[in-house]
Protein backbone atom coordinates (compact mmCIF):
# COMPACT_ATOMS: atom_id res chain seq x y z
CA GLU A 1 12.05 -13.12 0.93
CA THR A 2 8.76 -10.08 0.75
CA PRO A 3 7.38 -8.79 -2.45
CA THR A 4 7.37 -5.21 -1.15
CA ALA A 5 7.79 -3.42 -4.50
CA ASP A 6 5.23 -5.32 -6.18
CA ALA A 7 2.92 -4.81 -2.97
CA LEU A 8 3.25 -0.81 -3.40
CA THR A 9 2.92 -1.11 -6.90
CA SER A 10 -0.21 -2.84 -7.04
CA ALA A 11 -1.41 -0.35 -4.08
CA GLN A 12 -0.93 2.52 -6.51
CA ALA A 13 -2.60 0.68 -9.24
CA LEU A 14 -5.33 0.69 -7.03
CA PRO A 15 -8.40 3.18 -8.11
CA GLU A 16 -9.82 3.10 -4.49
CA MET A 17 -7.03 4.87 -3.73
CA MET A 18 -7.46 7.43 -6.06
CA ASP A 19 -10.95 8.37 -4.48
CA PRO A 20 -11.19 11.78 -4.64
CA LEU A 21 -14.00 11.88 -1.92
CA ARG A 22 -11.18 10.99 0.22
CA ALA A 23 -7.34 10.92 1.34
CA SER A 24 -5.77 7.91 0.69
CA PHE A 25 -2.27 6.43 2.87
CA ALA A 26 -0.49 3.51 2.30
CA ILE A 27 0.81 1.72 5.41
CA LEU A 28 3.62 -0.69 4.49
CA VAL A 29 4.24 -3.39 7.16
CA THR A 30 7.36 -5.73 6.51
CA ASP A 31 10.12 -7.59 8.27
CA GLY A 32 12.27 -5.67 5.91
CA GLY A 33 13.62 -8.29 3.34
CA VAL A 34 12.95 -7.26 -0.35
CA SER A 35 12.46 -9.81 -3.15
CA CYS A 36 13.57 -10.14 -6.58
CA GLY A 37 16.61 -7.56 -6.49
CA VAL A 38 14.63 -4.68 -5.93
CA SER A 39 16.99 -1.68 -5.31
CA ASN A 40 17.16 0.84 -2.58
CA ALA A 41 17.15 3.41 -5.18
CA GLU A 42 14.19 2.03 -7.04
CA LEU A 43 12.05 1.54 -3.81
CA GLU A 44 12.56 5.58 -3.06
CA THR A 45 11.79 6.36 -6.39
CA LEU A 46 8.46 3.97 -5.71
CA ALA A 47 7.40 5.80 -2.82
CA ALA A 48 7.94 9.18 -3.92
CA SER A 49 5.82 8.17 -7.01
CA LEU A 50 3.09 6.92 -4.42
CA LEU A 51 3.52 10.32 -2.82
CA ALA A 52 3.48 12.15 -6.07
CA ASP A 53 -0.24 10.80 -6.66
CA SER A 54 -1.14 11.83 -2.81
CA ILE A 55 -0.54 8.73 -1.66
CA PRO A 56 1.82 9.27 1.43
CA THR A 57 3.27 5.89 3.08
CA ALA A 58 4.37 5.13 6.27
CA VAL A 59 6.59 2.45 6.78
CA ILE A 60 6.57 -0.50 10.06
CA GLY A 61 9.41 -2.71 10.65
CA PHE A 62 7.90 -5.77 12.20
CA ALA A 63 10.16 -8.00 14.11
CA THR A 64 12.84 -6.88 11.22
CA GLY A 65 16.16 -8.80 9.71
CA ALA A 66 18.95 -7.84 8.52
CA ASP A 67 17.72 -5.61 5.29
CA GLU A 68 16.56 -2.30 7.25
CA ALA A 69 17.84 -0.17 4.52
CA SER A 70 15.41 -0.76 2.43
CA LEU A 71 12.63 0.35 4.83
CA GLU A 72 14.47 3.81 5.66
CA ALA A 73 14.66 4.08 1.73
CA ILE A 74 10.82 3.49 1.37
CA ALA A 75 10.26 5.72 4.53
CA SER A 76 12.26 8.59 4.00
CA ARG A 77 10.76 9.46 0.57
CA GLY A 78 7.25 8.19 1.49
CA GLY A 79 5.95 11.83 3.14
CA LEU A 80 4.90 10.25 6.35
CA ALA A 81 8.52 9.87 7.99
CA ARG A 82 8.81 8.68 11.69
CA PRO A 83 8.97 12.00 13.48
CA GLY A 84 12.58 12.63 15.35
CA GLY A 85 14.19 10.15 12.60
CA PRO A 86 16.47 8.39 11.54
CA PRO A 87 15.03 5.58 11.28
CA SER A 88 12.42 7.29 9.04
CA TYR A 89 10.16 4.09 9.70
CA TYR A 90 8.39 2.84 13.19
CA VAL A 91 9.60 -0.26 14.81
CA ALA A 92 7.30 -2.78 16.53
CA ASP A 93 8.54 -5.68 17.87
CA ASP A 94 5.16 -7.51 19.26
CA ALA A 95 1.28 -7.19 18.70
CA ALA A 96 0.91 -4.27 21.22
CA ASP A 97 3.68 -2.20 19.59
CA LEU A 98 2.14 -2.83 16.36
CA ASP A 99 -1.19 -1.11 17.69
CA ALA A 100 0.43 1.66 19.24
CA VAL A 101 2.22 2.27 15.97
CA PHE A 102 -0.94 2.07 14.09
CA ASP A 103 -2.63 4.85 16.53
CA GLU A 104 -0.09 6.85 15.95
CA ILE A 105 -0.12 7.15 12.58
CA ALA A 106 -3.81 7.63 12.68
CA ARG A 107 -3.47 10.40 14.75
CA ARG A 108 -1.07 12.06 12.42
CA VAL A 109 -3.47 11.16 9.09
CA VAL A 110 -6.80 11.92 10.27
CA SER A 111 -7.46 16.02 10.10
CA CYS A 112 -9.86 17.75 12.73
CA ASP A 113 -9.89 20.71 9.89
CA ILE A 114 -13.29 19.74 8.05
CA PRO A 115 -13.88 21.60 4.72
CA LEU A 116 -17.55 22.80 3.90
CA SER A 117 -18.31 21.58 0.98
CA THR A 118 -21.59 24.69 1.00
CA THR A 119 -21.08 27.76 3.08
CA PRO A 120 -23.63 28.18 5.54
CA PRO A 121 -25.40 31.60 4.78
CA ASP A 122 -25.27 32.35 8.75
CA ALA A 123 -22.56 30.45 11.02
CA SER A 124 -24.95 30.84 14.12
CA MET A 125 -27.72 28.56 12.17
CA LEU A 126 -24.30 25.73 12.58
CA PHE A 127 -25.05 22.11 13.98
CA VAL A 128 -22.66 19.47 14.54
CA THR A 129 -23.47 16.27 16.14
CA GLU A 130 -20.96 13.55 17.26
CA ASN A 131 -22.47 10.14 16.90
CA ASP A 132 -25.81 11.68 16.67
CA ALA A 133 -25.58 13.80 20.53
CA PRO A 134 -25.21 17.14 19.84
CA LEU A 135 -21.62 18.74 20.01
CA ALA A 136 -21.48 22.21 21.59
CA GLU A 137 -19.26 25.15 19.55
CA ASP A 138 -16.42 25.51 21.54
CA GLY A 139 -12.62 26.45 20.96
CA THR A 140 -11.47 24.17 24.09
CA ASP A 141 -13.64 20.87 23.59
CA GLY A 142 -15.97 21.33 20.60
CA TRP A 143 -16.14 23.02 17.24
CA THR A 144 -15.47 26.48 15.84
CA TYR A 145 -15.78 27.96 12.12
CA ASP A 146 -13.67 29.86 10.16
CA ALA A 147 -15.73 31.47 7.86
CA ALA A 148 -12.81 33.07 5.15
CA ALA A 149 -12.03 29.22 4.92
CA ASN A 150 -15.15 27.78 4.95
CA SER A 151 -14.25 24.84 7.16
CA LEU A 152 -14.79 23.72 10.65
CA THR A 153 -12.54 22.54 13.35
CA LEU A 154 -13.30 20.26 16.36
CA ASN A 155 -11.15 20.75 19.16
CA GLY A 156 -9.70 19.31 22.26
CA ALA A 157 -11.43 15.96 23.43
CA SER A 158 -13.53 15.75 20.14
CA CYS A 159 -10.52 15.90 17.97
CA ALA A 160 -9.04 13.11 20.19
CA ARG A 161 -12.50 11.01 19.43
CA LEU A 162 -12.29 11.32 16.18
CA ARG A 163 -8.53 10.59 15.85
CA SER A 164 -8.95 7.43 18.00
CA GLY A 165 -12.15 5.91 15.98
CA GLU A 166 -14.34 6.54 18.67
CA THR A 167 -16.48 9.05 16.46
CA THR A 168 -18.13 6.97 14.07
CA ARG A 169 -20.38 9.53 12.49
CA LEU A 170 -19.93 13.34 12.19
CA THR A 171 -22.82 15.51 11.02
CA ILE A 172 -22.33 19.00 10.12
CA SER A 173 -26.08 20.62 8.99
CA PHE A 174 -27.35 23.91 9.22
CA GLY A 175 -30.66 25.56 9.05
CA CYS A 176 -32.47 23.06 11.27
CA ALA A 177 -30.93 20.80 13.98
CA PRO A 178 -30.18 17.13 12.81
CA VAL A 179 -32.70 14.51 14.04
CA GLY A 180 -30.53 11.66 14.10
CA CYS A 181 -28.33 9.46 11.52
CA VAL A 182 -30.08 9.46 8.19
CA PRO A 183 -28.47 6.78 6.10
CA MET A 184 -26.71 7.27 3.05
CA PRO A 185 -24.16 5.54 1.17
CA GLU A 186 -21.29 4.51 2.50
CA ILE A 187 -17.74 6.61 0.83
CA CYS A 188 -15.13 5.37 2.51
CA ASN A 189 -13.99 7.88 4.69
CA GLY A 190 -13.99 6.76 8.20
CA PHE A 191 -17.30 7.41 9.06
CA ASP A 192 -20.77 5.57 9.18
CA GLU A 193 -22.90 7.06 6.79
CA ASP A 194 -25.22 4.26 6.15
CA CYS A 195 -26.20 4.41 10.16
CA ASP A 196 -25.75 1.00 10.40
CA GLY A 197 -22.77 1.04 13.20
CA MET A 198 -20.02 -0.10 11.10
CA VAL A 199 -17.53 2.49 9.56
CA ASP A 200 -17.02 2.00 5.91
CA ASP A 201 -18.01 -1.39 5.88
CA GLY A 202 -17.82 -3.05 2.05
CA CYS A 203 -14.49 -0.14 1.74
CA LEU A 204 -11.18 -1.26 1.13
CA MET A 205 -9.07 -0.09 4.29
């Protein structure tokens, strides 16, 4: 049997999951069995509680057993239900399936709309680099800036590279063009702030 409820409760209690500098998500990979007599109604309540704390949960049934109703209970209330369900949970029968599902979930949760913490005085002075290479302003394959929302959007292939994990360092600056990676402390946001070639090293993932 699997301590599914205990695992989700523990995840909700982790301070890293409540980091205001990044979005948090939970991915539950399980064979469907639930221990300790936890009811499906209790699992639904737990998934809804995580979602209320801004922690959407996706569920992957890996080589599932007979208790698939528990997967549906969590996935249907977790906020990251599989498109086109039911079932609301994803299914993976082997390692290749699991990789494909992880990629699909990543594409759903990684946003290519990036809010800026500071408003540039002149949008023409914005500079964007992707893995230290200049990225052009381009609505098809590059970036665009929305002054009303003060946000920058990656479009086309640049967005795809971000979602696939190929882009590990994204720099947005204005005034002067950036001169390469400037080491900063890691903040666990899917990028390589400390310029060591590793994403979120030392962070809970």
